[in-house]
PDB file of N, CA and C in Angstrom:
ATOM      1  N   UNK A   1     -10.078  -8.566   5.195  1.00  0.00           N
ATOM      2  CA  UNK A   1     -11.332  -7.128   5.835  1.00  0.00           C
ATOM      3  C   UNK A   1     -10.423  -6.050   5.245  1.00  0.00           C
ATOM      4  N   UNK A   2     -11.433  -4.594   4.407  1.00  0.00           N
ATOM      5  CA  UNK A   2     -10.312  -3.412   4.220  1.00  0.00           C
ATOM      6  C   UNK A   2     -10.492  -2.312   4.792  1.00  0.00           C
ATOM      7  N   UNK A   3      -9.660  -1.838   5.143  1.00  0.00           N
ATOM      8  CA  UNK A   3     -10.358  -0.719   6.137  1.00  0.00           C
ATOM      9  C   UNK A   3     -10.062   0.996   5.111  1.00  0.00           C
ATOM     10  N   UNK A   4     -10.187   1.521   4.520  1.00  0.00           N
ATOM     11  CA  UNK A   4      -9.889   2.829   4.148  1.00  0.00           C
ATOM     12  C   UNK A   4      -9.356   3.843   4.888  1.00  0.00           C
ATOM     13  N   UNK A   5      -8.697   4.899   4.037  1.00  0.00           N
ATOM     14  CA  UNK A   5      -8.852   5.774   4.683  1.00  0.00           C
ATOM     15  C   UNK A   5      -8.444   7.185   3.799  1.00  0.00           C
ATOM     16  N   UNK A   6      -9.268   7.689   3.925  1.00  0.00           N
ATOM     17  CA  UNK A   6      -8.929   9.370   3.602  1.00  0.00           C
ATOM     18  C   UNK A   6      -8.495  10.429   4.594  1.00  0.00           C
ATOM     19  N   UNK A   7      -7.408  11.143   3.798  1.00  0.00           N
ATOM     20  CA  UNK A   7      -6.742  11.704   4.360  1.00  0.00           C
ATOM     21  C   UNK A   7      -6.726  13.536   3.388  1.00  0.00           C
ATOM     22  N   UNK A   8      -6.941  14.377   3.004  1.00  0.00           N
ATOM     23  CA  UNK A   8      -6.484  15.366   2.495  1.00  0.00           C
ATOM     24  C   UNK A   8      -7.389  15.031   1.559  1.00  0.00           C
ATOM     25  N   UNK A   9      -6.903  16.112   0.795  1.00  0.00           N
ATOM     26  CA  UNK A   9      -7.647  15.941  -0.672  1.00  0.00           C
ATOM     27  C   UNK A   9      -7.063  15.353  -1.582  1.00  0.00           C
ATOM     28  N   UNK A  10      -7.536  14.002  -1.727  1.00  0.00           N
ATOM     29  CA  UNK A  10      -6.400  12.883  -1.797  1.00  0.00           C
ATOM     30  C   UNK A  10      -7.616  12.834  -3.304  1.00  0.00           C
ATOM     31  N   UNK A  11      -7.052  11.896  -4.604  1.00  0.00           N
ATOM     32  CA  UNK A  11      -7.629  11.700  -5.790  1.00  0.00           C
ATOM     33  C   UNK A  11      -9.182  10.673  -5.908  1.00  0.00           C
ATOM     34  N   UNK A  12      -8.257   9.119  -5.216  1.00  0.00           N
ATOM     35  CA  UNK A  12      -9.110   8.497  -5.148  1.00  0.00           C
ATOM     36  C   UNK A  12      -9.406   8.079  -3.543  1.00  0.00           C
ATOM     37  N   UNK A  13     -10.245   6.954  -3.109  1.00  0.00           N
ATOM     38  CA  UNK A  13      -9.924   6.398  -1.981  1.00  0.00           C
ATOM     39  C   UNK A  13      -9.394   5.246  -1.909  1.00  0.00           C
ATOM     40  N   UNK A  14      -8.423   5.862  -1.197  1.00  0.00           N
ATOM     41  CA  UNK A  14      -6.576   5.135  -0.241  1.00  0.00           C
ATOM     42  C   UNK A  14      -8.213   3.158   0.102  1.00  0.00           C
ATOM     43  N   UNK A  15      -7.363   2.163   0.344  1.00  0.00           N
ATOM     44  CA  UNK A  15      -7.489   1.446   0.878  1.00  0.00           C
ATOM     45  C   UNK A  15      -6.245   0.576   1.049  1.00  0.00           C
ATOM     46  N   UNK A  16      -6.344   0.377   2.439  1.00  0.00           N
ATOM     47  CA  UNK A  16      -5.382  -0.892   2.704  1.00  0.00           C
ATOM     48  C   UNK A  16      -6.151  -2.326   2.086  1.00  0.00           C
ATOM     49  N   UNK A  17      -4.737  -2.472   1.421  1.00  0.00           N
ATOM     50  CA  UNK A  17      -4.919  -4.102   0.571  1.00  0.00           C
ATOM     51  C   UNK A  17      -4.062  -5.023   0.340  1.00  0.00           C
ATOM     52  N   UNK A  18      -3.692  -5.646   1.334  1.00  0.00           N
ATOM     53  CA  UNK A  18      -2.473  -6.347   0.711  1.00  0.00           C
ATOM     54  C   UNK A  18      -2.252  -7.354  -0.132  1.00  0.00           C
ATOM     55  N   UNK A  19      -1.438  -7.632  -1.545  1.00  0.00           N
ATOM     56  CA  UNK A  19      -1.140  -8.272  -2.325  1.00  0.00           C
ATOM     57  C   UNK A  19       0.613  -8.770  -2.637  1.00  0.00           C
ATOM     58  N   UNK A  20       0.220  -9.462  -3.775  1.00  0.00           N
ATOM     59  CA  UNK A  20       1.211  -9.437  -4.042  1.00  0.00           C
ATOM     60  C   UNK A  20       1.140  -9.113  -5.230  1.00  0.00           C
ATOM     61  N   UNK A  21       2.533  -8.751  -6.271  1.00  0.00           N
ATOM     62  CA  UNK A  21       3.205  -8.483  -7.697  1.00  0.00           C
ATOM     63  C   UNK A  21       3.816  -8.309  -7.269  1.00  0.00           C
ATOM     64  N   UNK A  22       4.084  -8.935  -9.325  1.00  0.00           N
ATOM     65  CA  UNK A  22       5.377  -8.105  -9.896  1.00  0.00           C
ATOM     66  C   UNK A  22       5.980  -6.956 -10.048  1.00  0.00           C
ATOM     67  N   UNK A  23       7.196  -6.858  -9.641  1.00  0.00           N
ATOM     68  CA  UNK A  23       7.595  -5.689 -10.343  1.00  0.00           C
ATOM     69  C   UNK A  23       9.095  -5.806 -11.076  1.00  0.00           C
ATOM     70  N   UNK A  24       8.863  -4.665 -11.731  1.00  0.00           N
ATOM     71  CA  UNK A  24      10.605  -4.386 -12.918  1.00  0.00           C
ATOM     72  C   UNK A  24      10.654  -3.431 -12.593  1.00  0.00           C
ATOM     73  N   UNK A  25      11.354  -3.033 -13.123  1.00  0.00           N
ATOM     74  CA  UNK A  25      12.439  -2.258 -13.398  1.00  0.00           C
ATOM     75  C   UNK A  25      14.505  -2.011 -13.426  1.00  0.00           C
ATOM     76  N   UNK A  26      14.429  -0.735 -12.619  1.00  0.00           N
ATOM     77  CA  UNK A  26      15.941  -0.301 -12.461  1.00  0.00           C
ATOM     78  C   UNK A  26      16.048  -0.484 -11.235  1.00  0.00           C
ATOM     79  N   UNK A  27      17.270  -0.732 -10.742  1.00  0.00           N
ATOM     80  CA  UNK A  27      17.780  -0.269  -9.225  1.00  0.00           C
ATOM     81  C   UNK A  27      18.747   0.765  -9.243  1.00  0.00           C
ATOM     82  N   UNK A  28      18.678   1.033  -7.968  1.00  0.00           N
ATOM     83  CA  UNK A  28      20.328   2.590  -7.486  1.00  0.00           C
ATOM     84  C   UNK A  28      20.865   2.480  -8.458  1.00  0.00           C
ATOM     85  N   UNK A  29      21.537   1.803  -8.410  1.00  0.00           N
ATOM     86  CA  UNK A  29      22.593   0.438  -9.481  1.00  0.00           C
ATOM     87  C   UNK A  29      22.633   0.485 -10.739  1.00  0.00           C
ATOM     88  N   UNK A  30      21.390   1.362 -11.824  1.00  0.00           N
ATOM     89  CA  UNK A  30      21.241   0.780 -13.101  1.00  0.00           C
ATOM     90  C   UNK A  30      21.034  -0.305 -14.128  1.00  0.00           C
ATOM     91  N   UNK A  31      20.811  -2.016 -12.896  1.00  0.00           N
ATOM     92  CA  UNK A  31      20.548  -3.042 -13.633  1.00  0.00           C
ATOM     93  C   UNK A  31      18.861  -3.000 -13.143  1.00  0.00           C
ATOM     94  N   UNK A  32      19.397  -4.136 -14.500  1.00  0.00           N
ATOM     95  CA  UNK A  32      17.570  -4.756 -14.157  1.00  0.00           C
ATOM     96  C   UNK A  32      16.814  -5.140 -13.028  1.00  0.00           C
ATOM     97  N   UNK A  33      15.893  -5.483 -12.698  1.00  0.00           N
ATOM     98  CA  UNK A  33      15.693  -6.290 -11.174  1.00  0.00           C
ATOM     99  C   UNK A  33      14.042  -6.178 -11.766  1.00  0.00           C
ATOM    100  N   UNK A  34      13.786  -7.840 -11.379  1.00  0.00           N
ATOM    101  CA  UNK A  34      12.254  -8.266 -11.046  1.00  0.00           C
ATOM    102  C   UNK A  34      12.231  -9.255  -9.540  1.00  0.00           C
ATOM    103  N   UNK A  35      10.949  -8.102  -9.192  1.00  0.00           N
ATOM    104  CA  UNK A  35      11.003  -8.835  -7.941  1.00  0.00           C
ATOM    105  C   UNK A  35       9.493  -8.825  -7.624  1.00  0.00           C
ATOM    106  N   UNK A  36       9.317 -10.048  -6.720  1.00  0.00           N
ATOM    107  CA  UNK A  36       7.717 -10.142  -6.255  1.00  0.00           C
ATOM    108  C   UNK A  36       8.033  -9.283  -4.994  1.00  0.00           C
ATOM    109  N   UNK A  37       6.931  -8.382  -5.295  1.00  0.00           N
ATOM    110  CA  UNK A  37       6.434  -7.499  -3.760  1.00  0.00           C
ATOM    111  C   UNK A  37       4.768  -7.291  -3.410  1.00  0.00           C
ATOM    112  N   UNK A  38       4.854  -6.814  -2.329  1.00  0.00           N
ATOM    113  CA  UNK A  38       3.491  -6.698  -1.320  1.00  0.00           C
ATOM    114  C   UNK A  38       2.640  -5.537  -1.066  1.00  0.00           C
ATOM    115  N   UNK A  39       1.509  -4.975  -1.504  1.00  0.00           N
ATOM    116  CA  UNK A  39       1.642  -3.590  -1.374  1.00  0.00           C
ATOM    117  C   UNK A  39       0.758  -3.296  -0.314  1.00  0.00           C
ATOM    118  N   UNK A  40       0.710  -2.483   0.495  1.00  0.00           N
ATOM    119  CA  UNK A  40       0.525  -1.840   2.180  1.00  0.00           C
ATOM    120  C   UNK A  40      -1.192  -1.410   1.312  1.00  0.00           C
ATOM    121  N   UNK A  41      -0.910  -0.227   0.649  1.00  0.00           N
ATOM    122  CA  UNK A  41      -1.950   0.736   0.755  1.00  0.00           C
ATOM    123  C   UNK A  41      -2.395   0.875  -1.012  1.00  0.00           C
ATOM    124  N   UNK A  42      -3.082   0.892  -0.957  1.00  0.00           N
ATOM    125  CA  UNK A  42      -3.603   1.222  -3.254  1.00  0.00           C
ATOM    126  C   UNK A  42      -4.397   2.672  -2.765  1.00  0.00           C
ATOM    127  N   UNK A  43      -4.822   3.341  -4.472  1.00  0.00           N
ATOM    128  CA  UNK A  43      -5.793   3.727  -4.563  1.00  0.00           C
ATOM    129  C   UNK A  43      -5.826   3.417  -5.735  1.00  0.00           C
ATOM    130  N   UNK A  44      -7.211   4.390  -6.842  1.00  0.00           N
ATOM    131  CA  UNK A  44      -6.982   4.034  -8.545  1.00  0.00           C
ATOM    132  C   UNK A  44      -6.185   4.803  -8.869  1.00  0.00           C
ATOM    133  N   UNK A  45      -5.036   5.926  -7.961  1.00  0.00           N
ATOM    134  CA  UNK A  45      -4.234   6.241  -9.128  1.00  0.00           C
ATOM    135  C   UNK A  45      -2.481   5.776  -8.583  1.00  0.00           C
ATOM    136  N   UNK A  46      -2.437   4.849  -8.074  1.00  0.00           N
ATOM    137  CA  UNK A  46      -1.065   4.160  -7.206  1.00  0.00           C
ATOM    138  C   UNK A  46      -1.630   3.269  -6.475  1.00  0.00           C
ATOM    139  N   UNK A  47      -0.557   3.562  -5.074  1.00  0.00           N
ATOM    140  CA  UNK A  47      -0.316   2.933  -3.904  1.00  0.00           C
ATOM    141  C   UNK A  47       1.027   2.848  -2.942  1.00  0.00           C
ATOM    142  N   UNK A  48       0.718   2.202  -2.478  1.00  0.00           N
ATOM    143  CA  UNK A  48       2.453   2.161  -1.329  1.00  0.00           C
ATOM    144  C   UNK A  48       2.667   0.687  -1.041  1.00  0.00           C
ATOM    145  N   UNK A  49       4.108   0.038  -1.221  1.00  0.00           N
ATOM    146  CA  UNK A  49       4.529  -0.340  -1.682  1.00  0.00           C
ATOM    147  C   UNK A  49       5.664  -1.453  -1.293  1.00  0.00           C
ATOM    148  N   UNK A  50       6.140  -2.732  -0.643  1.00  0.00           N
ATOM    149  CA  UNK A  50       7.776  -2.946  -0.057  1.00  0.00           C
ATOM    150  C   UNK A  50       8.070  -3.179  -0.771  1.00  0.00           C
ATOM    151  N   UNK A  51       9.110  -3.090  -2.064  1.00  0.00           N
ATOM    152  CA  UNK A  51      10.313  -3.017  -2.309  1.00  0.00           C
ATOM    153  C   UNK A  51      12.194  -3.450  -1.386  1.00  0.00           C
ATOM    154  N   UNK A  52      12.065  -4.837  -2.008  1.00  0.00           N
ATOM    155  CA  UNK A  52      13.469  -5.276  -2.013  1.00  0.00           C
ATOM    156  C   UNK A  52      14.321  -4.323  -2.435  1.00  0.00           C
ATOM    157  N   UNK A  53      14.709  -4.293  -3.962  1.00  0.00           N
ATOM    158  CA  UNK A  53      15.451  -3.226  -4.569  1.00  0.00           C
ATOM    159  C   UNK A  53      15.629  -1.815  -4.372  1.00  0.00           C
ATOM    160  N   UNK A  54      16.682  -1.359  -4.032  1.00  0.00           N
ATOM    161  CA  UNK A  54      17.295  -0.165  -3.948  1.00  0.00           C
ATOM    162  C   UNK A  54      15.902   0.483  -5.663  1.00  0.00           C
ATOM    163  N   UNK A  55      15.163   1.303  -5.207  1.00  0.00           N
ATOM    164  CA  UNK A  55      15.573   2.619  -6.328  1.00  0.00           C
ATOM    165  C   UNK A  55      15.543   4.089  -5.980  1.00  0.00           C
ATOM    166  N   UNK A  56      15.242   4.651  -7.458  1.00  0.00           N
ATOM    167  CA  UNK A  56      15.278   6.087  -6.930  1.00  0.00           C
ATOM    168  C   UNK A  56      13.962   6.653  -7.082  1.00  0.00           C
ATOM    169  N   UNK A  57      14.077   8.069  -6.703  1.00  0.00           N
ATOM    170  CA  UNK A  57      12.511   8.713  -6.551  1.00  0.00           C
ATOM    171  C   UNK A  57      12.490   8.925  -7.937  1.00  0.00           C
ATOM    172  N   UNK A  58      11.548   8.951  -8.421  1.00  0.00           N
ATOM    173  CA  UNK A  58      11.406   9.266 -10.656  1.00  0.00           C
ATOM    174  C   UNK A  58      11.553   8.631 -11.188  1.00  0.00           C
ATOM    175  N   UNK A  59      12.162   7.578 -10.823  1.00  0.00           N
ATOM    176  CA  UNK A  59      12.698   5.588 -11.785  1.00  0.00           C
ATOM    177  C   UNK A  59      10.616   5.789 -11.915  1.00  0.00           C
ATOM    178  N   UNK A  60      11.049   4.268 -13.187  1.00  0.00           N
ATOM    179  CA  UNK A  60       9.914   4.215 -13.735  1.00  0.00           C
ATOM    180  C   UNK A  60       9.953   2.673 -13.140  1.00  0.00           C
ATOM    181  N   UNK A  61       8.892   1.534 -13.354  1.00  0.00           N
ATOM    182  CA  UNK A  61       8.545   0.715 -12.732  1.00  0.00           C
ATOM    183  C   UNK A  61       7.601   0.147 -13.915  1.00  0.00           C
ATOM    184  N   UNK A  62       6.958  -1.610 -13.416  1.00  0.00           N
ATOM    185  CA  UNK A  62       6.055  -2.248 -14.308  1.00  0.00           C
ATOM    186  C   UNK A  62       5.808  -2.748 -13.288  1.00  0.00           C
ATOM    187  N   UNK A  63       4.308  -2.871 -13.397  1.00  0.00           N
ATOM    188  CA  UNK A  63       3.164  -3.625 -11.801  1.00  0.00           C
ATOM    189  C   UNK A  63       2.401  -4.863 -12.917  1.00  0.00           C
ATOM    190  N   UNK A  64       2.590  -5.742 -12.460  1.00  0.00           N
ATOM    191  CA  UNK A  64       2.428  -7.434 -13.076  1.00  0.00           C
ATOM    192  C   UNK A  64       1.122  -7.296 -12.179  1.00  0.00           C
ATOM    193  N   UNK A  65      -0.350  -7.791 -12.313  1.00  0.00           N
ATOM    194  CA  UNK A  65      -1.095  -8.352 -11.525  1.00  0.00           C
ATOM    195  C   UNK A  65      -0.767  -9.871 -11.808  1.00  0.00           C
ATOM    196  N   UNK A  66      -0.921 -10.349 -11.356  1.00  0.00           N
ATOM    197  CA  UNK A  66      -0.709 -11.891 -11.274  1.00  0.00           C
ATOM    198  C   UNK A  66      -1.983 -12.814 -11.392  1.00  0.00           C
ATOM    199  N   UNK A  67      -2.996 -12.081 -10.510  1.00  0.00           N
ATOM    200  CA  UNK A  67      -4.525 -12.395 -11.031  1.00  0.00           C
ATOM    201  C   UNK A  67      -4.646 -12.109 -12.465  1.00  0.00           C
ATOM    202  N   UNK A  68      -4.454 -11.027 -13.481  1.00  0.00           N
ATOM    203  CA  UNK A  68      -5.666 -10.372 -14.250  1.00  0.00           C
ATOM    204  C   UNK A  68      -3.974 -10.542 -15.545  1.00  0.00           C
ATOM    205  N   UNK A  69      -2.473 -10.847 -14.685  1.00  0.00           N
ATOM    206  CA  UNK A  69      -1.687 -10.603 -16.083  1.00  0.00           C
ATOM    207  C   UNK A  69      -1.532  -8.876 -16.270  1.00  0.00           C
ATOM    208  N   UNK A  70      -2.205  -8.356 -15.542  1.00  0.00           N
ATOM    209  CA  UNK A  70      -2.266  -6.519 -16.582  1.00  0.00           C
ATOM    210  C   UNK A  70      -0.972  -6.021 -15.934  1.00  0.00           C
ATOM    211  N   UNK A  71      -0.098  -5.142 -16.510  1.00  0.00           N
ATOM    212  CA  UNK A  71       0.890  -4.443 -16.104  1.00  0.00           C
ATOM    213  C   UNK A  71      -0.167  -3.118 -16.757  1.00  0.00           C
ATOM    214  N   UNK A  72       0.411  -3.282 -15.383  1.00  0.00           N
ATOM    215  CA  UNK A  72       0.668  -1.100 -14.832  1.00  0.00           C
ATOM    216  C   UNK A  72       1.628  -0.310 -15.143  1.00  0.00           C
ATOM    217  N   UNK A  73       2.043   0.902 -15.749  1.00  0.00           N
ATOM    218  CA  UNK A  73       3.516   1.843 -15.575  1.00  0.00           C
ATOM    219  C   UNK A  73       3.209   2.554 -14.736  1.00  0.00           C
ATOM    220  N   UNK A  74       4.012   2.759 -14.112  1.00  0.00           N
ATOM    221  CA  UNK A  74       4.536   3.768 -12.800  1.00  0.00           C
ATOM    222  C   UNK A  74       5.528   4.500 -12.472  1.00  0.00           C
ATOM    223  N   UNK A  75       5.233   5.378 -11.924  1.00  0.00           N
ATOM    224  CA  UNK A  75       6.519   5.873 -10.662  1.00  0.00           C
ATOM    225  C   UNK A  75       6.715   6.526  -9.726  1.00  0.00           C
ATOM    226  N   UNK A  76       8.105   6.119  -9.691  1.00  0.00           N
ATOM    227  CA  UNK A  76       8.285   6.281  -8.316  1.00  0.00           C
ATOM    228  C   UNK A  76       7.820   7.626  -7.718  1.00  0.00           C
ATOM    229  N   UNK A  77       7.265   8.078  -7.241  1.00  0.00           N
ATOM    230  CA  UNK A  77       7.226   9.396  -6.024  1.00  0.00           C
ATOM    231  C   UNK A  77       7.512   9.445  -4.542  1.00  0.00           C
ATOM    232  N   UNK A  78       7.689   8.757  -4.129  1.00  0.00           N
ATOM    233  CA  UNK A  78       8.192   8.955  -2.476  1.00  0.00           C
ATOM    234  C   UNK A  78       9.301   7.781  -2.631  1.00  0.00           C
ATOM    235  N   UNK A  79      10.052   7.903  -1.813  1.00  0.00           N
ATOM    236  CA  UNK A  79      10.174   6.759  -0.912  1.00  0.00           C
ATOM    237  C   UNK A  79      11.123   6.409   0.568  1.00  0.00           C
ATOM    238  N   UNK A  80      10.235   5.561   1.137  1.00  0.00           N
ATOM    239  CA  UNK A  80      10.544   5.289   2.683  1.00  0.00           C
ATOM    240  C   UNK A  80      11.554   4.813   3.439  1.00  0.00           C
ATOM    241  N   UNK A  81      11.797   4.576   4.293  1.00  0.00           N
ATOM    242  CA  UNK A  81      12.321   4.353   5.242  1.00  0.00           C
ATOM    243  C   UNK A  81      12.613   2.751   4.999  1.00  0.00           C
ATOM    244  N   UNK A  82      13.571   2.149   5.094  1.00  0.00           N
ATOM    245  CA  UNK A  82      13.532   0.162   4.885  1.00  0.00           C
ATOM    246  C   UNK A  82      13.762   0.222   6.466  1.00  0.00           C
ATOM    247  N   UNK A  83      12.470  -1.447   6.132  1.00  0.00           N
ATOM    248  CA  UNK A  83      12.232  -1.927   7.370  1.00  0.00           C
ATOM    249  C   UNK A  83      12.255  -3.529   6.567  1.00  0.00           C
ATOM    250  N   UNK A  84      11.851  -4.821   8.032  1.00  0.00           N
ATOM    251  CA  UNK A  84      12.166  -6.261   7.784  1.00  0.00           C
ATOM    252  C   UNK A  84      11.977  -6.567   6.015  1.00  0.00           C
ATOM    253  N   UNK A  85      10.350  -5.833   5.596  1.00  0.00           N
ATOM    254  CA  UNK A  85       9.966  -6.038   4.631  1.00  0.00           C
ATOM    255  C   UNK A  85      10.478  -5.668   3.366  1.00  0.00           C
ATOM    256  N   UNK A  86      11.903  -4.991   3.360  1.00  0.00           N
ATOM    257  CA  UNK A  86      11.499  -3.775   2.307  1.00  0.00           C
ATOM    258  C   UNK A  86      11.580  -2.813   2.433  1.00  0.00           C
ATOM    259  N   UNK A  87      11.783  -1.676   1.564  1.00  0.00           N
ATOM    260  CA  UNK A  87      11.589   0.080   1.503  1.00  0.00           C
ATOM    261  C   UNK A  87       9.927   0.341   1.340  1.00  0.00           C
ATOM    262  N   UNK A  88       9.485   1.131   1.695  1.00  0.00           N
ATOM    263  CA  UNK A  88       7.909   0.572   1.527  1.00  0.00           C
ATOM    264  C   UNK A  88       8.421   1.989  -0.085  1.00  0.00           C
ATOM    265  N   UNK A  89       7.943   1.697  -0.449  1.00  0.00           N
ATOM    266  CA  UNK A  89       8.052   3.094  -1.933  1.00  0.00           C
ATOM    267  C   UNK A  89       6.439   3.316  -3.088  1.00  0.00           C
ATOM    268  N   UNK A  90       6.287   4.381  -2.599  1.00  0.00           N
ATOM    269  CA  UNK A  90       5.028   4.519  -3.587  1.00  0.00           C
ATOM    270  C   UNK A  90       5.051   5.853  -4.418  1.00  0.00           C
ATOM    271  N   UNK A  91       4.163   5.074  -5.701  1.00  0.00           N
ATOM    272  CA  UNK A  91       3.555   4.814  -6.670  1.00  0.00           C
ATOM    273  C   UNK A  91       2.624   5.573  -7.451  1.00  0.00           C
ATOM    274  N   UNK A  92       3.006   6.636  -8.132  1.00  0.00           N
ATOM    275  CA  UNK A  92       1.573   6.739  -9.001  1.00  0.00           C
ATOM    276  C   UNK A  92       1.364   6.280 -10.412  1.00  0.00           C
ATOM    277  N   UNK A  93       0.516   5.739 -10.977  1.00  0.00           N
ATOM    278  CA  UNK A  93       0.081   4.888 -11.990  1.00  0.00           C
ATOM    279  C   UNK A  93       0.295   6.145 -13.333  1.00  0.00           C
ATOM    280  N   UNK A  94       1.259   6.034 -14.761  1.00  0.00           N
ATOM    281  CA  UNK A  94       1.259   7.340 -15.151  1.00  0.00           C
ATOM    282  C   UNK A  94      -0.229   7.277 -15.420  1.00  0.00           C
ATOM    283  N   UNK A  95      -1.415   6.247 -16.262  1.00  0.00           N
ATOM    284  CA  UNK A  95      -2.787   6.351 -16.440  1.00  0.00           C
ATOM    285  C   UNK A  95      -3.963   5.843 -15.165  1.00  0.00           C
ATOM    286  N   UNK A  96      -4.497   6.167 -14.549  1.00  0.00           N
ATOM    287  CA  UNK A  96      -5.312   5.947 -13.632  1.00  0.00           C
ATOM    288  C   UNK A  96      -5.703   4.930 -13.995  1.00  0.00           C
ATOM    289  N   UNK A  97      -5.666   3.436 -13.142  1.00  0.00           N
ATOM    290  CA  UNK A  97      -6.250   2.798 -13.226  1.00  0.00           C
ATOM    291  C   UNK A  97      -7.102   1.357 -12.235  1.00  0.00           C
ATOM    292  N   UNK A  98      -8.350   2.758 -12.184  1.00  0.00           N
ATOM    293  CA  UNK A  98      -9.333   1.579 -11.173  1.00  0.00           C
ATOM    294  C   UNK A  98      -9.124   0.279 -10.611  1.00  0.00           C
ATOM    295  N   UNK A  99      -9.382  -0.834 -11.911  1.00  0.00           N
ATOM    296  CA  UNK A  99      -9.327  -1.595 -11.196  1.00  0.00           C
ATOM    297  C   UNK A  99      -8.861  -2.548 -11.762  1.00  0.00           C
ATOM    298  N   UNK A 100      -6.872  -2.239 -12.183  1.00  0.00           N
ATOM    299  CA  UNK A 100      -6.199  -2.747 -11.711  1.00  0.00           C
ATOM    300  C   UNK A 100      -5.669  -3.334 -10.575  1.00  0.00           C
ATOM    301  N   UNK A 101      -6.211  -3.255  -9.574  1.00  0.00           N
ATOM    302  CA  UNK A 101      -6.049  -3.267  -8.144  1.00  0.00           C
ATOM    303  C   UNK A 101      -7.319  -4.994  -7.416  1.00  0.00           C
ATOM    304  N   UNK A 102      -8.318  -5.017  -8.971  1.00  0.00           N
ATOM    305  CA  UNK A 102      -9.291  -5.906  -8.561  1.00  0.00           C
ATOM    306  C   UNK A 102      -9.782  -5.854  -7.078  1.00  0.00           C
ATOM    307  N   UNK A 103     -10.333  -3.900  -7.365  1.00  0.00           N
ATOM    308  CA  UNK A 103     -11.149  -3.744  -6.107  1.00  0.00           C
ATOM    309  C   UNK A 103     -11.988  -1.973  -6.784  1.00  0.00           C
ATOM    310  N   UNK A 104     -12.842  -1.984  -6.130  1.00  0.00           N
ATOM    311  CA  UNK A 104     -14.268  -0.909  -6.662  1.00  0.00           C
ATOM    312  C   UNK A 104     -13.858  -0.185  -5.068  1.00  0.00           C
ATOM    313  N   UNK A 105     -13.078   0.978  -6.583  1.00  0.00           N
ATOM    314  CA  UNK A 105     -13.593   2.250  -5.127  1.00  0.00           C
ATOM    315  C   UNK A 105     -14.239   3.382  -5.444  1.00  0.00           C
ATOM    316  N   UNK A 106     -14.430   3.643  -4.014  1.00  0.00           N
ATOM    317  CA  UNK A 106     -15.942   4.668  -4.571  1.00  0.00           C
ATOM    318  C   UNK A 106     -14.592   5.967  -4.687  1.00  0.00           C
ATOM    319  N   UNK A 107     -16.187   7.010  -5.209  1.00  0.00           N
ATOM    320  CA  UNK A 107     -15.377   8.106  -5.427  1.00  0.00           C
ATOM    321  C   UNK A 107     -15.420   8.843  -4.646  1.00  0.00           C
ATOM    322  N   UNK A 108     -14.319   9.608  -4.569  1.00  0.00           N
ATOM    323  CA  UNK A 108     -13.267  10.595  -4.219  1.00  0.00           C
ATOM    324  C   UNK A 108     -15.003  11.996  -3.906  1.00  0.00           C
ATOM    325  N   UNK A 109     -15.251  12.330  -2.182  1.00  0.00           N
ATOM    326  CA  UNK A 109     -15.901  12.638  -1.620  1.00  0.00           C
ATOM    327  C   UNK A 109     -15.358  13.979  -1.478  1.00  0.00           C
ATOM    328  N   UNK A 110     -14.643  14.497  -1.948  1.00  0.00           N
ATOM    329  CA  UNK A 110     -13.138  15.344  -1.154  1.00  0.00           C
ATOM    330  C   UNK A 110     -12.328  15.845  -1.916  1.00  0.00           C
ATOM    331  N   UNK A 111     -13.209  15.615  -3.422  1.00  0.00           N
ATOM    332  CA  UNK A 111     -12.775  16.632  -4.510  1.00  0.00           C
ATOM    333  C   UNK A 111     -12.498  17.994  -5.061  1.00  0.00           C
ATOM    334  N   UNK A 112     -12.184  18.929  -5.228  1.00  0.00           N
ATOM    335  CA  UNK A 112     -11.949  20.038  -6.094  1.00  0.00           C
ATOM    336  C   UNK A 112     -13.194  20.719  -5.950  1.00  0.00           C
ATOM    337  N   UNK A 113     -14.409  20.375  -5.766  1.00  0.00           N
ATOM    338  CA  UNK A 113     -15.576  20.268  -6.491  1.00  0.00           C
ATOM    339  C   UNK A 113     -17.145  20.321  -5.133  1.00  0.00           C
ATOM    340  N   UNK A 114     -16.110  18.588  -4.495  1.00  0.00           N
ATOM    341  CA  UNK A 114     -16.468  18.108  -3.092  1.00  0.00           C
ATOM    342  C   UNK A 114     -17.880  19.576  -2.438  1.00  0.00           C
ATOM    343  N   UNK A 115     -17.088  20.678  -1.738  1.00  0.00           N
ATOM    344  CA  UNK A 115     -18.024  21.498  -1.047  1.00  0.00           C
ATOM    345  C   UNK A 115     -18.954  22.632  -2.097  1.00  0.00           C
ATOM    346  N   UNK A 116     -18.889  22.044  -3.692  1.00  0.00           N
ATOM    347  CA  UNK A 116     -20.084  22.957  -3.824  1.00  0.00           C
ATOM    348  C   UNK A 116     -21.745  22.241  -4.009  1.00  0.00           C
ATOM    349  N   UNK A 117     -22.047  22.892  -3.758  1.00  0.00           N
ATOM    350  CA  UNK A 117     -22.873  22.370  -4.086  1.00  0.00           C
ATOM    351  C   UNK A 117     -24.394  23.097  -5.870  1.00  0.00           C
ATOM    352  N   UNK A 118     -24.683  22.574  -5.944  1.00  0.00           N
ATOM    353  CA  UNK A 118     -26.076  22.546  -7.417  1.00  0.00           C
ATOM    354  C   UNK A 118     -27.258  23.184  -6.672  1.00  0.00           C
ATOM    355  N   UNK A 119     -28.106  23.880  -7.454  1.00  0.00           N
ATOM    356  CA  UNK A 119     -29.440  24.157  -7.233  1.00  0.00           C
ATOM    357  C   UNK A 119     -30.908  23.693  -8.130  1.00  0.00           C
TER     358      UNK A 119
END
């Protein structure tokens, strides 16, 4: 079951979606890593995932969808508190990839032009 959450002026719909995927990049110590991680929330422009490797804000990651084998480059834009499943990491795709997660996202109804009416 998927739940949607809309907060503020988002570029795309957010969906609570658990999915395992492969992440690789450079850790806080500068060493390369590759790990299987799990998403928490996703959207067409990125998502929130749990990562066990310590990383720095602004670092680049490559995510691989294990079902489609598609790879997507992204930037770390948020580092949250560490928990039992790792640290929550917010990522943003370098280019929007609405089909990467295997979900059809609804167009955002709260974009910059959503309050304008056409006659």
